[in-house]
PDB file of N, CA and C in Angstrom:
ATOM      1  N   MET A   1      57.774 245.105 -91.410  1.00  0.00           N
ATOM      2  CA  MET A   1      58.722 246.050 -90.849  1.00  0.00           C
ATOM      3  C   MET A   1      58.348 247.436 -91.322  1.00  0.00           C
ATOM      4  N   ARG A   2      58.394 248.380 -90.431  1.00  0.00           N
ATOM      5  CA  ARG A   2      58.150 249.785 -90.765  1.00  0.00           C
ATOM      6  C   ARG A   2      59.492 250.496 -90.732  1.00  0.00           C
ATOM      7  N   TYR A   3      59.770 251.250 -91.772  1.00  0.00           N
ATOM      8  CA  TYR A   3      61.048 251.909 -91.924  1.00  0.00           C
ATOM      9  C   TYR A   3      60.785 253.378 -92.212  1.00  0.00           C
ATOM     10  N   VAL A   4      61.509 254.273 -91.564  1.00  0.00           N
ATOM     11  CA  VAL A   4      61.363 255.707 -91.797  1.00  0.00           C
ATOM     12  C   VAL A   4      62.493 256.164 -92.707  1.00  0.00           C
ATOM     13  N   ARG A   5      62.110 256.755 -93.828  1.00  0.00           N
ATOM     14  CA  ARG A   5      63.094 257.245 -94.786  1.00  0.00           C
ATOM     15  C   ARG A   5      63.804 258.467 -94.213  1.00  0.00           C
ATOM     16  N   GLU A   6      65.133 258.464 -94.324  1.00  0.00           N
ATOM     17  CA  GLU A   6      65.900 259.633 -93.910  1.00  0.00           C
ATOM     18  C   GLU A   6      65.537 260.788 -94.836  1.00  0.00           C
ATOM     19  N   GLN A   7      65.508 261.986 -94.306  1.00  0.00           N
ATOM     20  CA  GLN A   7      65.029 263.146 -95.054  1.00  0.00           C
ATOM     21  C   GLN A   7      65.794 263.362 -96.359  1.00  0.00           C
ATOM     22  N   ASP A   8      67.085 263.077 -96.364  1.00  0.00           N
ATOM     23  CA  ASP A   8      67.886 263.323 -97.571  1.00  0.00           C
ATOM     24  C   ASP A   8      67.974 262.102 -98.484  1.00  0.00           C
ATOM     25  N   ALA A   9      67.318 260.996 -98.114  1.00  0.00           N
ATOM     26  CA  ALA A   9      67.357 259.785 -98.937  1.00  0.00           C
ATOM     27  C   ALA A   9      66.157 259.754 -99.881  1.00  0.00           C
ATOM     28  N   SER A  10      66.407 259.390-101.107  1.00  0.00           N
ATOM     29  CA  SER A  10      65.316 259.244-102.065  1.00  0.00           C
ATOM     30  C   SER A  10      64.514 257.989-101.715  1.00  0.00           C
ATOM     31  N   PRO A  11      63.277 257.907-102.168  1.00  0.00           N
ATOM     32  CA  PRO A  11      62.500 256.691-101.904  1.00  0.00           C
ATOM     33  C   PRO A  11      63.180 255.427-102.415  1.00  0.00           C
ATOM     34  N   SER A  12      63.787 255.492-103.592  1.00  0.00           N
ATOM     35  CA  SER A  12      64.426 254.286-104.127  1.00  0.00           C
ATOM     36  C   SER A  12      65.616 253.855-103.275  1.00  0.00           C
ATOM     37  N   VAL A  13      66.385 254.788-102.783  1.00  0.00           N
ATOM     38  CA  VAL A  13      67.504 254.458-101.896  1.00  0.00           C
ATOM     39  C   VAL A  13      66.972 253.900-100.575  1.00  0.00           C
ATOM     40  N   ALA A  14      65.899 254.465-100.066  1.00  0.00           N
ATOM     41  CA  ALA A  14      65.319 253.988 -98.811  1.00  0.00           C
ATOM     42  C   ALA A  14      64.821 252.548 -98.934  1.00  0.00           C
ATOM     43  N   VAL A  15      64.272 252.188-100.089  1.00  0.00           N
ATOM     44  CA  VAL A  15      63.815 250.810-100.299  1.00  0.00           C
ATOM     45  C   VAL A  15      65.002 249.856-100.196  1.00  0.00           C
ATOM     46  N   ILE A  16      66.086 250.190-100.870  1.00  0.00           N
ATOM     47  CA  ILE A  16      67.288 249.349-100.826  1.00  0.00           C
ATOM     48  C   ILE A  16      67.817 249.243 -99.397  1.00  0.00           C
ATOM     49  N   GLN A  17      67.870 250.355 -98.692  1.00  0.00           N
ATOM     50  CA  GLN A  17      68.356 250.346 -97.318  1.00  0.00           C
ATOM     51  C   GLN A  17      67.479 249.484 -96.422  1.00  0.00           C
ATOM     52  N   ALA A  18      66.166 249.601 -96.564  1.00  0.00           N
ATOM     53  CA  ALA A  18      65.243 248.849 -95.729  1.00  0.00           C
ATOM     54  C   ALA A  18      65.340 247.348 -95.996  1.00  0.00           C
ATOM     55  N   VAL A  19      65.360 246.972 -97.268  1.00  0.00           N
ATOM     56  CA  VAL A  19      65.424 245.547 -97.606  1.00  0.00           C
ATOM     57  C   VAL A  19      66.766 244.955 -97.180  1.00  0.00           C
ATOM     58  N   SER A  20      67.848 245.681 -97.403  1.00  0.00           N
ATOM     59  CA  SER A  20      69.152 245.150 -96.994  1.00  0.00           C
ATOM     60  C   SER A  20      69.230 244.987 -95.483  1.00  0.00           C
ATOM     61  N   SER A  21      68.588 245.879 -94.751  1.00  0.00           N
ATOM     62  CA  SER A  21      68.544 245.761 -93.296  1.00  0.00           C
ATOM     63  C   SER A  21      67.736 244.535 -92.872  1.00  0.00           C
ATOM     64  N   CYS A  22      66.594 244.324 -93.488  1.00  0.00           N
ATOM     65  CA  CYS A  22      65.762 243.155 -93.162  1.00  0.00           C
ATOM     66  C   CYS A  22      66.454 241.849 -93.506  1.00  0.00           C
ATOM     67  N   GLU A  23      67.147 241.835 -94.633  1.00  0.00           N
ATOM     68  CA  GLU A  23      67.818 240.621 -95.090  1.00  0.00           C
ATOM     69  C   GLU A  23      69.186 240.436 -94.447  1.00  0.00           C
ATOM     70  N   ASP A  24      69.665 241.468 -93.754  1.00  0.00           N
ATOM     71  CA  ASP A  24      70.986 241.456 -93.133  1.00  0.00           C
ATOM     72  C   ASP A  24      72.079 241.167 -94.163  1.00  0.00           C
ATOM     73  N   VAL A  25      71.996 241.878 -95.300  1.00  0.00           N
ATOM     74  CA  VAL A  25      72.998 241.771 -96.358  1.00  0.00           C
ATOM     75  C   VAL A  25      73.413 243.180 -96.771  1.00  0.00           C
ATOM     76  N   HIS A  26      74.550 243.272 -97.418  1.00  0.00           N
ATOM     77  CA  HIS A  26      74.991 244.555 -97.948  1.00  0.00           C
ATOM     78  C   HIS A  26      74.093 244.929 -99.124  1.00  0.00           C
ATOM     79  N   GLU A  27      73.871 246.212 -99.285  1.00  0.00           N
ATOM     80  CA  GLU A  27      73.001 246.707-100.358  1.00  0.00           C
ATOM     81  C   GLU A  27      73.408 246.191-101.736  1.00  0.00           C
ATOM     82  N   SER A  28      74.701 246.011-101.955  1.00  0.00           N
ATOM     83  CA  SER A  28      75.188 245.558-103.259  1.00  0.00           C
ATOM     84  C   SER A  28      74.819 244.103-103.555  1.00  0.00           C
ATOM     85  N   GLU A  29      74.398 243.365-102.537  1.00  0.00           N
ATOM     86  CA  GLU A  29      74.020 241.971-102.727  1.00  0.00           C
ATOM     87  C   GLU A  29      72.576 241.797-103.197  1.00  0.00           C
ATOM     88  N   LEU A  30      71.817 242.879-103.193  1.00  0.00           N
ATOM     89  CA  LEU A  30      70.420 242.822-103.630  1.00  0.00           C
ATOM     90  C   LEU A  30      70.327 242.976-105.143  1.00  0.00           C
ATOM     91  N   PRO A  31      69.269 242.430-105.744  1.00  0.00           N
ATOM     92  CA  PRO A  31      69.083 242.650-107.180  1.00  0.00           C
ATOM     93  C   PRO A  31      68.819 244.134-107.455  1.00  0.00           C
ATOM     94  N   PRO A  32      69.188 244.611-108.631  1.00  0.00           N
ATOM     95  CA  PRO A  32      68.961 246.028-108.946  1.00  0.00           C
ATOM     96  C   PRO A  32      67.470 246.378-108.861  1.00  0.00           C
ATOM     97  N   LEU A  33      67.163 247.417-108.115  1.00  0.00           N
ATOM     98  CA  LEU A  33      65.774 247.832-107.941  1.00  0.00           C
ATOM     99  C   LEU A  33      65.164 248.280-109.272  1.00  0.00           C
ATOM    100  N   HIS A  34      65.975 248.868-110.142  1.00  0.00           N
ATOM    101  CA  HIS A  34      65.441 249.370-111.417  1.00  0.00           C
ATOM    102  C   HIS A  34      64.949 248.258-112.338  1.00  0.00           C
ATOM    103  N   GLU A  35      65.271 247.009-112.015  1.00  0.00           N
ATOM    104  CA  GLU A  35      64.735 245.888-112.787  1.00  0.00           C
ATOM    105  C   GLU A  35      63.322 245.524-112.329  1.00  0.00           C
ATOM    106  N   THR A  36      62.893 246.093-111.214  1.00  0.00           N
ATOM    107  CA  THR A  36      61.569 245.829-110.662  1.00  0.00           C
ATOM    108  C   THR A  36      60.617 246.996-110.873  1.00  0.00           C
ATOM    109  N   ILE A  37      61.128 248.207-110.693  1.00  0.00           N
ATOM    110  CA  ILE A  37      60.295 249.410-110.770  1.00  0.00           C
ATOM    111  C   ILE A  37      61.132 250.534-111.370  1.00  0.00           C
ATOM    112  N   ASP A  38      60.481 251.467-112.029  1.00  0.00           N
ATOM    113  CA  ASP A  38      61.163 252.637-112.570  1.00  0.00           C
ATOM    114  C   ASP A  38      61.543 253.533-111.391  1.00  0.00           C
ATOM    115  N   THR A  39      62.803 253.496-111.009  1.00  0.00           N
ATOM    116  CA  THR A  39      63.244 254.217-109.810  1.00  0.00           C
ATOM    117  C   THR A  39      63.145 255.733-109.978  1.00  0.00           C
ATOM    118  N   ASP A  40      63.360 256.233-111.192  1.00  0.00           N
ATOM    119  CA  ASP A  40      63.208 257.676-111.420  1.00  0.00           C
ATOM    120  C   ASP A  40      61.768 258.106-111.189  1.00  0.00           C
ATOM    121  N   ALA A  41      60.827 257.307-111.669  1.00  0.00           N
ATOM    122  CA  ALA A  41      59.411 257.628-111.474  1.00  0.00           C
ATOM    123  C   ALA A  41      59.029 257.546-109.999  1.00  0.00           C
ATOM    124  N   LEU A  42      59.526 256.515-109.306  1.00  0.00           N
ATOM    125  CA  LEU A  42      59.255 256.375-107.874  1.00  0.00           C
ATOM    126  C   LEU A  42      59.751 257.594-107.118  1.00  0.00           C
ATOM    127  N   ASP A  43      60.976 257.997-107.392  1.00  0.00           N
ATOM    128  CA  ASP A  43      61.547 259.161-106.703  1.00  0.00           C
ATOM    129  C   ASP A  43      60.784 260.442-107.046  1.00  0.00           C
ATOM    130  N   ALA A  44      60.378 260.584-108.295  1.00  0.00           N
ATOM    131  CA  ALA A  44      59.663 261.790-108.716  1.00  0.00           C
ATOM    132  C   ALA A  44      58.294 261.906-108.044  1.00  0.00           C
ATOM    133  N   LEU A  45      57.653 260.765-107.790  1.00  0.00           N
ATOM    134  CA  LEU A  45      56.339 260.799-107.140  1.00  0.00           C
ATOM    135  C   LEU A  45      56.392 261.444-105.763  1.00  0.00           C
ATOM    136  N   PHE A  46      57.465 261.185-105.051  1.00  0.00           N
ATOM    137  CA  PHE A  46      57.529 261.618-103.660  1.00  0.00           C
ATOM    138  C   PHE A  46      58.614 262.653-103.388  1.00  0.00           C
ATOM    139  N   THR A  47      59.005 263.394-104.410  1.00  0.00           N
ATOM    140  CA  THR A  47      59.937 264.495-104.217  1.00  0.00           C
ATOM    141  C   THR A  47      59.198 265.635-103.524  1.00  0.00           C
ATOM    142  N   ASN A  48      59.826 266.234-102.559  1.00  0.00           N
ATOM    143  CA  ASN A  48      59.196 267.319-101.810  1.00  0.00           C
ATOM    144  C   ASN A  48      59.307 268.646-102.538  1.00  0.00           C
ATOM    145  N   TRP A  49      58.272 269.455-102.371  1.00  0.00           N
ATOM    146  CA  TRP A  49      58.306 270.830-102.841  1.00  0.00           C
ATOM    147  C   TRP A  49      59.269 271.611-101.945  1.00  0.00           C
ATOM    148  N   PRO A  50      59.632 272.832-102.317  1.00  0.00           N
ATOM    149  CA  PRO A  50      60.571 273.612-101.481  1.00  0.00           C
ATOM    150  C   PRO A  50      60.115 273.776-100.034  1.00  0.00           C
ATOM    151  N   ASN A  51      58.815 273.768 -99.768  1.00  0.00           N
ATOM    152  CA  ASN A  51      58.347 273.924 -98.380  1.00  0.00           C
ATOM    153  C   ASN A  51      58.334 272.597 -97.621  1.00  0.00           C
ATOM    154  N   GLN A  52      58.924 271.553 -98.218  1.00  0.00           N
ATOM    155  CA  GLN A  52      59.070 270.220 -97.631  1.00  0.00           C
ATOM    156  C   GLN A  52      57.769 269.413 -97.580  1.00  0.00           C
ATOM    157  N   SER A  53      56.701 269.889 -98.207  1.00  0.00           N
ATOM    158  CA  SER A  53      55.491 269.079 -98.275  1.00  0.00           C
ATOM    159  C   SER A  53      55.574 268.176 -99.501  1.00  0.00           C
ATOM    160  N   PRO A  54      55.056 266.955 -99.411  1.00  0.00           N
ATOM    161  CA  PRO A  54      55.130 266.050-100.555  1.00  0.00           C
ATOM    162  C   PRO A  54      54.256 266.535-101.709  1.00  0.00           C
ATOM    163  N   GLN A  55      54.700 266.218-102.927  1.00  0.00           N
ATOM    164  CA  GLN A  55      53.937 266.584-104.112  1.00  0.00           C
ATOM    165  C   GLN A  55      52.657 265.773-104.200  1.00  0.00           C
ATOM    166  N   LEU A  56      52.677 264.570-103.691  1.00  0.00           N
ATOM    167  CA  LEU A  56      51.564 263.651-103.836  1.00  0.00           C
ATOM    168  C   LEU A  56      51.260 263.037-102.487  1.00  0.00           C
ATOM    169  N   ASP A  57      49.991 262.958-102.156  1.00  0.00           N
ATOM    170  CA  ASP A  57      49.586 262.287-100.929  1.00  0.00           C
ATOM    171  C   ASP A  57      49.108 260.897-101.314  1.00  0.00           C
ATOM    172  N   GLY A  58      49.784 259.875-100.843  1.00  0.00           N
ATOM    173  CA  GLY A  58      49.390 258.521-101.188  1.00  0.00           C
ATOM    174  C   GLY A  58      50.534 257.553-100.997  1.00  0.00           C
ATOM    175  N   HIS A  59      50.425 256.412-101.684  1.00  0.00           N
ATOM    176  CA  HIS A  59      51.501 255.430-101.590  1.00  0.00           C
ATOM    177  C   HIS A  59      51.547 254.579-102.855  1.00  0.00           C
ATOM    178  N   VAL A  60      52.668 253.907-103.009  1.00  0.00           N
ATOM    179  CA  VAL A  60      52.901 252.991-104.126  1.00  0.00           C
ATOM    180  C   VAL A  60      53.239 251.637-103.509  1.00  0.00           C
ATOM    181  N   ARG A  61      52.716 250.584-104.123  1.00  0.00           N
ATOM    182  CA  ARG A  61      52.989 249.231-103.641  1.00  0.00           C
ATOM    183  C   ARG A  61      53.538 248.405-104.802  1.00  0.00           C
ATOM    184  N   PHE A  62      54.608 247.640-104.519  1.00  0.00           N
ATOM    185  CA  PHE A  62      55.205 246.772-105.534  1.00  0.00           C
ATOM    186  C   PHE A  62      55.944 245.634-104.848  1.00  0.00           C
ATOM    187  N   GLN A  63      56.282 244.624-105.617  1.00  0.00           N
ATOM    188  CA  GLN A  63      57.018 243.465-105.128  1.00  0.00           C
ATOM    189  C   GLN A  63      58.512 243.679-105.388  1.00  0.00           C
ATOM    190  N   TYR A  64      59.327 243.384-104.391  1.00  0.00           N
ATOM    191  CA  TYR A  64      60.780 243.436-104.544  1.00  0.00           C
ATOM    192  C   TYR A  64      61.388 242.405-103.614  1.00  0.00           C
ATOM    193  N   CYS A  65      62.243 241.586-104.166  1.00  0.00           N
ATOM    194  CA  CYS A  65      62.803 240.451-103.435  1.00  0.00           C
ATOM    195  C   CYS A  65      61.641 239.624-102.911  1.00  0.00           C
ATOM    196  N   GLU A  66      61.602 239.334-101.660  1.00  0.00           N
ATOM    197  CA  GLU A  66      60.534 238.517-101.079  1.00  0.00           C
ATOM    198  C   GLU A  66      59.509 239.376-100.351  1.00  0.00           C
ATOM    199  N   TYR A  67      59.450 240.671-100.687  1.00  0.00           N
ATOM    200  CA  TYR A  67      58.622 241.605 -99.932  1.00  0.00           C
ATOM    201  C   TYR A  67      57.604 242.309-100.819  1.00  0.00           C
ATOM    202  N   THR A  68      56.481 242.654-100.194  1.00  0.00           N
ATOM    203  CA  THR A  68      55.586 243.655-100.756  1.00  0.00           C
ATOM    204  C   THR A  68      56.021 244.960-100.113  1.00  0.00           C
ATOM    205  N   VAL A  69      56.439 245.911-100.934  1.00  0.00           N
ATOM    206  CA  VAL A  69      56.981 247.182-100.460  1.00  0.00           C
ATOM    207  C   VAL A  69      55.908 248.255-100.629  1.00  0.00           C
ATOM    208  N   HIS A  70      55.638 248.982 -99.551  1.00  0.00           N
ATOM    209  CA  HIS A  70      54.713 250.108 -99.579  1.00  0.00           C
ATOM    210  C   HIS A  70      55.547 251.366 -99.316  1.00  0.00           C
ATOM    211  N   VAL A  71      55.581 252.268-100.275  1.00  0.00           N
ATOM    212  CA  VAL A  71      56.289 253.540-100.109  1.00  0.00           C
ATOM    213  C   VAL A  71      55.220 254.615 -99.943  1.00  0.00           C
ATOM    214  N   HIS A  72      55.242 255.293 -98.805  1.00  0.00           N
ATOM    215  CA  HIS A  72      54.234 256.304 -98.487  1.00  0.00           C
ATOM    216  C   HIS A  72      54.811 257.711 -98.643  1.00  0.00           C
ATOM    217  N   SER A  73      53.944 258.643 -99.000  1.00  0.00           N
ATOM    218  CA  SER A  73      54.372 260.023 -99.208  1.00  0.00           C
ATOM    219  C   SER A  73      54.858 260.687 -97.926  1.00  0.00           C
ATOM    220  N   ASP A  74      54.470 260.161 -96.762  1.00  0.00           N
ATOM    221  CA  ASP A  74      54.894 260.765 -95.495  1.00  0.00           C
ATOM    222  C   ASP A  74      56.283 260.309 -95.053  1.00  0.00           C
ATOM    223  N   GLY A  75      56.969 259.520 -95.916  1.00  0.00           N
ATOM    224  CA  GLY A  75      58.329 259.111 -95.605  1.00  0.00           C
ATOM    225  C   GLY A  75      58.452 257.713 -95.027  1.00  0.00           C
ATOM    226  N   TYR A  76      57.334 257.048 -94.776  1.00  0.00           N
ATOM    227  CA  TYR A  76      57.383 255.687 -94.242  1.00  0.00           C
ATOM    228  C   TYR A  76      57.422 254.659 -95.361  1.00  0.00           C
ATOM    229  N   LEU A  77      58.129 253.582 -95.088  1.00  0.00           N
ATOM    230  CA  LEU A  77      58.116 252.404 -95.945  1.00  0.00           C
ATOM    231  C   LEU A  77      57.651 251.251 -95.078  1.00  0.00           C
ATOM    232  N   ILE A  78      56.865 250.380 -95.654  1.00  0.00           N
ATOM    233  CA  ILE A  78      56.448 249.171 -94.956  1.00  0.00           C
ATOM    234  C   ILE A  78      56.826 248.000 -95.823  1.00  0.00           C
ATOM    235  N   LEU A  79      57.491 247.027 -95.230  1.00  0.00           N
ATOM    236  CA  LEU A  79      57.872 245.801 -95.920  1.00  0.00           C
ATOM    237  C   LEU A  79      57.075 244.656 -95.324  1.00  0.00           C
ATOM    238  N   GLU A  80      56.355 243.948 -96.191  1.00  0.00           N
ATOM    239  CA  GLU A  80      55.596 242.785 -95.760  1.00  0.00           C
ATOM    240  C   GLU A  80      56.156 241.571 -96.468  1.00  0.00           C
ATOM    241  N   THR A  81      56.305 240.478 -95.734  1.00  0.00           N
ATOM    242  CA  THR A  81      56.773 239.252 -96.371  1.00  0.00           C
ATOM    243  C   THR A  81      55.615 238.596 -97.080  1.00  0.00           C
ATOM    244  N   GLU A  82      55.942 237.934 -98.187  1.00  0.00           N
ATOM    245  CA  GLU A  82      54.893 237.295 -98.977  1.00  0.00           C
ATOM    246  C   GLU A  82      54.439 235.995 -98.375  1.00  0.00           C
TER     247      GLU A  82
END
């Protein structure tokens, strides 16, 4: 599944939103993301500069729930089932 992060949503919030949508469950039913990845570090990697360009060009990949999650600097998330 390809998911586009809303401009005002942090990457960590977007991951939760995307997985809850795929699983068709409320976000509160998912395990805490911070037990899988440092959410502050994830958000800091892809925080935009004042001109809205990303600080880093690239992506991060990690496992969460039953998915391999790819968070890209361009605002896209990709969820792959294992």
